[in-house]
Amino acid sequence: MVLSIAHNNTRIAAYDATGCGQSSCEPIWFIVTQGSIVNTPVIVNGRLHVSGSNFGFTPQVYVFHLVG
């Protein structure tokens, strides 16, 4: 799995690391957050941790369990 996380964007997406055989691939999954992503993502014990904000005001932490 390859993760795509854009800073100052509201989208976190995961792509197949082996590709899809085309020049453009659809994500395995994605989520639209409520505000900007503001840090570098960290994976610990199979979980993705990303911080952002809730509509630009309240700090928010997103945690996703990554299934292999």
PDB file of N, CA and C in Angstrom:
ATOM      1  N   MET A   1       0.841  -1.169   0.000  1.00  0.00           N
ATOM      2  CA  MET A   1       0.000   0.000   0.000  1.00  0.00           C
ATOM      3  C   MET A   1       0.886   1.232   0.000  1.00  0.00           C
ATOM      4  N   VAL A   2       0.495   2.211  -0.792  1.00  0.00           N
ATOM      5  CA  VAL A   2       1.163   3.503  -0.836  1.00  0.00           C
ATOM      6  C   VAL A   2       0.140   4.551  -0.433  1.00  0.00           C
ATOM      7  N   LEU A   3       0.519   5.416   0.485  1.00  0.00           N
ATOM      8  CA  LEU A   3      -0.398   6.453   0.948  1.00  0.00           C
ATOM      9  C   LEU A   3      -0.094   7.769   0.253  1.00  0.00           C
ATOM     10  N   SER A   4      -1.143   8.490  -0.069  1.00  0.00           N
ATOM     11  CA  SER A   4      -1.006   9.818  -0.650  1.00  0.00           C
ATOM     12  C   SER A   4      -1.677  10.800   0.294  1.00  0.00           C
ATOM     13  N   ILE A   5      -0.891  11.671   0.878  1.00  0.00           N
ATOM     14  CA  ILE A   5      -1.440  12.651   1.810  1.00  0.00           C
ATOM     15  C   ILE A   5      -0.906  14.010   1.399  1.00  0.00           C
ATOM     16  N   ALA A   6      -1.803  14.892   1.032  1.00  0.00           N
ATOM     17  CA  ALA A   6      -1.403  16.219   0.587  1.00  0.00           C
ATOM     18  C   ALA A   6      -1.563  17.213   1.724  1.00  0.00           C
ATOM     19  N   HIS A   7      -0.510  17.939   2.035  1.00  0.00           N
ATOM     20  CA  HIS A   7      -0.596  18.986   3.046  1.00  0.00           C
ATOM     21  C   HIS A   7      -1.514  20.091   2.541  1.00  0.00           C
ATOM     22  N   ASN A   8      -2.232  20.722   3.449  1.00  0.00           N
ATOM     23  CA  ASN A   8      -3.170  21.798   3.121  1.00  0.00           C
ATOM     24  C   ASN A   8      -4.236  21.337   2.130  1.00  0.00           C
ATOM     25  N   ASN A   9      -4.558  20.068   2.215  1.00  0.00           N
ATOM     26  CA  ASN A   9      -5.605  19.481   1.405  1.00  0.00           C
ATOM     27  C   ASN A   9      -6.485  18.699   2.366  1.00  0.00           C
ATOM     28  N   THR A  10      -7.636  18.279   1.934  1.00  0.00           N
ATOM     29  CA  THR A  10      -8.538  17.555   2.830  1.00  0.00           C
ATOM     30  C   THR A  10      -8.709  16.108   2.423  1.00  0.00           C
ATOM     31  N   ARG A  11      -7.761  15.543   1.693  1.00  0.00           N
ATOM     32  CA  ARG A  11      -7.915  14.188   1.187  1.00  0.00           C
ATOM     33  C   ARG A  11      -6.729  13.310   1.587  1.00  0.00           C
ATOM     34  N   ILE A  12      -7.035  12.139   2.128  1.00  0.00           N
ATOM     35  CA  ILE A  12      -6.046  11.107   2.413  1.00  0.00           C
ATOM     36  C   ILE A  12      -6.446   9.909   1.564  1.00  0.00           C
ATOM     37  N   ALA A  13      -5.518   9.374   0.781  1.00  0.00           N
ATOM     38  CA  ALA A  13      -5.841   8.251  -0.103  1.00  0.00           C
ATOM     39  C   ALA A  13      -4.760   7.185  -0.031  1.00  0.00           C
ATOM     40  N   ALA A  14      -5.155   5.934  -0.268  1.00  0.00           N
ATOM     41  CA  ALA A  14      -4.218   4.811  -0.297  1.00  0.00           C
ATOM     42  C   ALA A  14      -4.295   4.148  -1.668  1.00  0.00           C
ATOM     43  N   TYR A  15      -3.128   3.817  -2.215  1.00  0.00           N
ATOM     44  CA  TYR A  15      -3.043   3.183  -3.529  1.00  0.00           C
ATOM     45  C   TYR A  15      -2.283   1.872  -3.425  1.00  0.00           C
ATOM     46  N   ASP A  16      -2.555   0.962  -4.342  1.00  0.00           N
ATOM     47  CA  ASP A  16      -1.847  -0.312  -4.401  1.00  0.00           C
ATOM     48  C   ASP A  16      -0.398  -0.036  -4.794  1.00  0.00           C
ATOM     49  N   ALA A  17       0.553  -0.487  -4.002  1.00  0.00           N
ATOM     50  CA  ALA A  17       1.975  -0.224  -4.255  1.00  0.00           C
ATOM     51  C   ALA A  17       2.456  -0.883  -5.545  1.00  0.00           C
ATOM     52  N   THR A  18       1.765  -1.928  -6.013  1.00  0.00           N
ATOM     53  CA  THR A  18       2.168  -2.615  -7.240  1.00  0.00           C
ATOM     54  C   THR A  18       1.556  -1.973  -8.480  1.00  0.00           C
ATOM     55  N   GLY A  19       0.718  -0.971  -8.289  1.00  0.00           N
ATOM     56  CA  GLY A  19       0.094  -0.286  -9.413  1.00  0.00           C
ATOM     57  C   GLY A  19      -1.136  -1.023  -9.923  1.00  0.00           C
ATOM     58  N   CYS A  20      -1.700  -0.498 -11.000  1.00  0.00           N
ATOM     59  CA  CYS A  20      -2.908  -1.098 -11.567  1.00  0.00           C
ATOM     60  C   CYS A  20      -2.741  -1.419 -13.048  1.00  0.00           C
ATOM     61  N   GLY A  21      -1.526  -1.203 -13.603  1.00  0.00           N
ATOM     62  CA  GLY A  21      -1.275  -1.491 -15.002  1.00  0.00           C
ATOM     63  C   GLY A  21      -1.698  -0.380 -15.950  1.00  0.00           C
ATOM     64  N   GLN A  22      -2.113   0.754 -15.398  1.00  0.00           N
ATOM     65  CA  GLN A  22      -2.516   1.898 -16.219  1.00  0.00           C
ATOM     66  C   GLN A  22      -1.724   3.125 -15.775  1.00  0.00           C
ATOM     67  N   SER A  23      -1.800   4.191 -16.544  1.00  0.00           N
ATOM     68  CA  SER A  23      -1.044   5.397 -16.187  1.00  0.00           C
ATOM     69  C   SER A  23      -1.676   6.149 -15.022  1.00  0.00           C
ATOM     70  N   SER A  24      -2.952   5.916 -14.761  1.00  0.00           N
ATOM     71  CA  SER A  24      -3.644   6.548 -13.650  1.00  0.00           C
ATOM     72  C   SER A  24      -4.477   5.491 -12.936  1.00  0.00           C
ATOM     73  N   CYS A  25      -4.311   5.396 -11.617  1.00  0.00           N
ATOM     74  CA  CYS A  25      -4.989   4.351 -10.844  1.00  0.00           C
ATOM     75  C   CYS A  25      -5.991   4.962  -9.869  1.00  0.00           C
ATOM     76  N   GLU A  26      -7.043   4.234  -9.591  1.00  0.00           N
ATOM     77  CA  GLU A  26      -8.003   4.633  -8.576  1.00  0.00           C
ATOM     78  C   GLU A  26      -7.465   4.243  -7.194  1.00  0.00           C
ATOM     79  N   PRO A  27      -7.742   5.012  -6.160  1.00  0.00           N
ATOM     80  CA  PRO A  27      -7.282   4.638  -4.817  1.00  0.00           C
ATOM     81  C   PRO A  27      -8.006   3.393  -4.298  1.00  0.00           C
ATOM     82  N   ILE A  28      -7.331   2.668  -3.415  1.00  0.00           N
ATOM     83  CA  ILE A  28      -7.956   1.534  -2.724  1.00  0.00           C
ATOM     84  C   ILE A  28      -9.028   2.073  -1.800  1.00  0.00           C
ATOM     85  N   TRP A  29      -8.701   3.151  -1.106  1.00  0.00           N
ATOM     86  CA  TRP A  29      -9.656   3.860  -0.248  1.00  0.00           C
ATOM     87  C   TRP A  29      -9.208   5.305  -0.112  1.00  0.00           C
ATOM     88  N   PHE A  30     -10.171   6.149   0.240  1.00  0.00           N
ATOM     89  CA  PHE A  30      -9.829   7.540   0.532  1.00  0.00           C
ATOM     90  C   PHE A  30     -10.846   8.095   1.514  1.00  0.00           C
ATOM     91  N   ILE A  31     -10.460   9.170   2.146  1.00  0.00           N
ATOM     92  CA  ILE A  31     -11.345   9.873   3.067  1.00  0.00           C
ATOM     93  C   ILE A  31     -11.129  11.368   2.870  1.00  0.00           C
ATOM     94  N   VAL A  32     -12.194  12.101   2.987  1.00  0.00           N
ATOM     95  CA  VAL A  32     -12.121  13.559   2.944  1.00  0.00           C
ATOM     96  C   VAL A  32     -12.277  14.033   4.382  1.00  0.00           C
ATOM     97  N   THR A  33     -11.286  14.772   4.867  1.00  0.00           N
ATOM     98  CA  THR A  33     -11.297  15.241   6.252  1.00  0.00           C
ATOM     99  C   THR A  33     -12.039  16.567   6.361  1.00  0.00           C
ATOM    100  N   GLN A  34     -12.194  17.046   7.566  1.00  0.00           N
ATOM    101  CA  GLN A  34     -12.935  18.284   7.798  1.00  0.00           C
ATOM    102  C   GLN A  34     -12.049  19.523   7.749  1.00  0.00           C
ATOM    103  N   GLY A  35     -10.772  19.347   7.494  1.00  0.00           N
ATOM    104  CA  GLY A  35      -9.862  20.484   7.436  1.00  0.00           C
ATOM    105  C   GLY A  35      -8.530  20.067   6.863  1.00  0.00           C
ATOM    106  N   SER A  36      -7.596  20.964   6.858  1.00  0.00           N
ATOM    107  CA  SER A  36      -6.276  20.716   6.281  1.00  0.00           C
ATOM    108  C   SER A  36      -5.497  19.672   7.054  1.00  0.00           C
ATOM    109  N   ILE A  37      -4.680  18.912   6.333  1.00  0.00           N
ATOM    110  CA  ILE A  37      -3.730  17.982   6.953  1.00  0.00           C
ATOM    111  C   ILE A  37      -2.477  18.800   7.236  1.00  0.00           C
ATOM    112  N   VAL A  38      -1.983  18.761   8.474  1.00  0.00           N
ATOM    113  CA  VAL A  38      -0.910  19.688   8.845  1.00  0.00           C
ATOM    114  C   VAL A  38       0.394  19.032   9.271  1.00  0.00           C
ATOM    115  N   ASN A  39       0.487  17.708   9.222  1.00  0.00           N
ATOM    116  CA  ASN A  39       1.752  17.098   9.637  1.00  0.00           C
ATOM    117  C   ASN A  39       2.153  15.992   8.690  1.00  0.00           C
ATOM    118  N   THR A  40       3.328  15.461   8.914  1.00  0.00           N
ATOM    119  CA  THR A  40       3.788  14.294   8.178  1.00  0.00           C
ATOM    120  C   THR A  40       3.126  13.064   8.785  1.00  0.00           C
ATOM    121  N   PRO A  41       2.560  12.193   7.981  1.00  0.00           N
ATOM    122  CA  PRO A  41       1.900  11.004   8.518  1.00  0.00           C
ATOM    123  C   PRO A  41       2.896  10.058   9.177  1.00  0.00           C
ATOM    124  N   VAL A  42       2.421   9.339  10.176  1.00  0.00           N
ATOM    125  CA  VAL A  42       3.250   8.370  10.890  1.00  0.00           C
ATOM    126  C   VAL A  42       2.481   7.054  10.958  1.00  0.00           C
ATOM    127  N   ILE A  43       3.154   5.948  10.647  1.00  0.00           N
ATOM    128  CA  ILE A  43       2.551   4.617  10.783  1.00  0.00           C
ATOM    129  C   ILE A  43       3.215   3.925  11.954  1.00  0.00           C
ATOM    130  N   VAL A  44       2.412   3.533  12.945  1.00  0.00           N
ATOM    131  CA  VAL A  44       2.894   2.848  14.144  1.00  0.00           C
ATOM    132  C   VAL A  44       1.976   1.666  14.404  1.00  0.00           C
ATOM    133  N   ASN A  45       2.560   0.476  14.524  1.00  0.00           N
ATOM    134  CA  ASN A  45       1.807  -0.738  14.832  1.00  0.00           C
ATOM    135  C   ASN A  45       0.604  -0.931  13.909  1.00  0.00           C
ATOM    136  N   GLY A  46       0.802  -0.692  12.618  1.00  0.00           N
ATOM    137  CA  GLY A  46      -0.259  -0.920  11.651  1.00  0.00           C
ATOM    138  C   GLY A  46      -1.349   0.132  11.629  1.00  0.00           C
ATOM    139  N   ARG A  47      -1.089   1.272  12.250  1.00  0.00           N
ATOM    140  CA  ARG A  47      -2.069   2.358  12.261  1.00  0.00           C
ATOM    141  C   ARG A  47      -1.441   3.637  11.709  1.00  0.00           C
ATOM    142  N   LEU A  48      -2.201   4.304  10.863  1.00  0.00           N
ATOM    143  CA  LEU A  48      -1.773   5.574  10.296  1.00  0.00           C
ATOM    144  C   LEU A  48      -2.290   6.697  11.176  1.00  0.00           C
ATOM    145  N   HIS A  49      -1.390   7.571  11.608  1.00  0.00           N
ATOM    146  CA  HIS A  49      -1.745   8.730  12.443  1.00  0.00           C
ATOM    147  C   HIS A  49      -1.464   9.992  11.631  1.00  0.00           C
ATOM    148  N   VAL A  50      -2.481  10.839  11.512  1.00  0.00           N
ATOM    149  CA  VAL A  50      -2.354  12.090  10.777  1.00  0.00           C
ATOM    150  C   VAL A  50      -3.080  13.164  11.573  1.00  0.00           C
ATOM    151  N   SER A  51      -2.473  14.334  11.687  1.00  0.00           N
ATOM    152  CA  SER A  51      -3.177  15.410  12.391  1.00  0.00           C
ATOM    153  C   SER A  51      -3.620  16.474  11.394  1.00  0.00           C
ATOM    154  N   GLY A  52      -4.654  17.152  11.776  1.00  0.00           N
ATOM    155  CA  GLY A  52      -5.203  18.208  10.935  1.00  0.00           C
ATOM    156  C   GLY A  52      -6.011  19.142  11.802  1.00  0.00           C
ATOM    157  N   SER A  53      -7.007  19.739  11.178  1.00  0.00           N
ATOM    158  CA  SER A  53      -7.873  20.637  11.931  1.00  0.00           C
ATOM    159  C   SER A  53      -9.323  20.379  11.543  1.00  0.00           C
ATOM    160  N   ASN A  54     -10.206  20.754  12.413  1.00  0.00           N
ATOM    161  CA  ASN A  54     -11.634  20.604  12.188  1.00  0.00           C
ATOM    162  C   ASN A  54     -12.147  21.937  11.670  1.00  0.00           C
ATOM    163  N   PHE A  55     -12.292  22.041  10.349  1.00  0.00           N
ATOM    164  CA  PHE A  55     -12.716  23.275   9.681  1.00  0.00           C
ATOM    165  C   PHE A  55     -11.768  24.435   9.984  1.00  0.00           C
ATOM    166  N   GLY A  56     -10.473  24.112  10.225  1.00  0.00           N
ATOM    167  CA  GLY A  56      -9.470  25.147  10.439  1.00  0.00           C
ATOM    168  C   GLY A  56      -9.396  25.713  11.836  1.00  0.00           C
ATOM    169  N   PHE A  57     -10.179  25.181  12.775  1.00  0.00           N
ATOM    170  CA  PHE A  57     -10.218  25.768  14.110  1.00  0.00           C
ATOM    171  C   PHE A  57      -9.688  24.833  15.196  1.00  0.00           C
ATOM    172  N   THR A  58     -10.244  23.661  15.318  1.00  0.00           N
ATOM    173  CA  THR A  58      -9.926  22.746  16.403  1.00  0.00           C
ATOM    174  C   THR A  58      -8.946  21.677  15.925  1.00  0.00           C
ATOM    175  N   PRO A  59      -7.843  21.437  16.637  1.00  0.00           N
ATOM    176  CA  PRO A  59      -6.929  20.356  16.257  1.00  0.00           C
ATOM    177  C   PRO A  59      -7.653  19.012  16.234  1.00  0.00           C
ATOM    178  N   GLN A  60      -7.276  18.171  15.287  1.00  0.00           N
ATOM    179  CA  GLN A  60      -7.918  16.875  15.115  1.00  0.00           C
ATOM    180  C   GLN A  60      -6.849  15.845  14.793  1.00  0.00           C
ATOM    181  N   VAL A  61      -6.989  14.643  15.332  1.00  0.00           N
ATOM    182  CA  VAL A  61      -6.095  13.539  14.989  1.00  0.00           C
ATOM    183  C   VAL A  61      -6.927  12.452  14.336  1.00  0.00           C
ATOM    184  N   TYR A  62      -6.479  11.997  13.175  1.00  0.00           N
ATOM    185  CA  TYR A  62      -7.127  10.910  12.451  1.00  0.00           C
ATOM    186  C   TYR A  62      -6.263   9.674  12.600  1.00  0.00           C
ATOM    187  N   VAL A  63      -6.861   8.553  12.965  1.00  0.00           N
ATOM    188  CA  VAL A  63      -6.130   7.303  13.115  1.00  0.00           C
ATOM    189  C   VAL A  63      -6.861   6.245  12.287  1.00  0.00           C
ATOM    190  N   PHE A  64      -6.111   5.553  11.421  1.00  0.00           N
ATOM    191  CA  PHE A  64      -6.666   4.526  10.558  1.00  0.00           C
ATOM    192  C   PHE A  64      -5.925   3.215  10.774  1.00  0.00           C
ATOM    193  N   HIS A  65      -6.674   2.136  10.959  1.00  0.00           N
ATOM    194  CA  HIS A  65      -6.086   0.804  11.068  1.00  0.00           C
ATOM    195  C   HIS A  65      -5.825   0.304   9.645  1.00  0.00           C
ATOM    196  N   LEU A  66      -4.579   0.041   9.310  1.00  0.00           N
ATOM    197  CA  LEU A  66      -4.212  -0.414   7.978  1.00  0.00           C
ATOM    198  C   LEU A  66      -4.211  -1.933   7.938  1.00  0.00           C
ATOM    199  N   VAL A  67      -5.015  -2.489   7.095  1.00  0.00           N
ATOM    200  CA  VAL A  67      -5.107  -3.938   6.953  1.00  0.00           C
ATOM    201  C   VAL A  67      -4.231  -4.323   5.778  1.00  0.00           C
ATOM    202  N   GLY A  68      -3.286  -5.266   6.003  1.00  0.00           N
ATOM    203  CA  GLY A  68      -2.300  -5.665   5.031  1.00  0.00           C
ATOM    204  C   GLY A  68      -2.813  -6.254   3.814  1.00  0.00           C
TER     205      GLY A  68
END
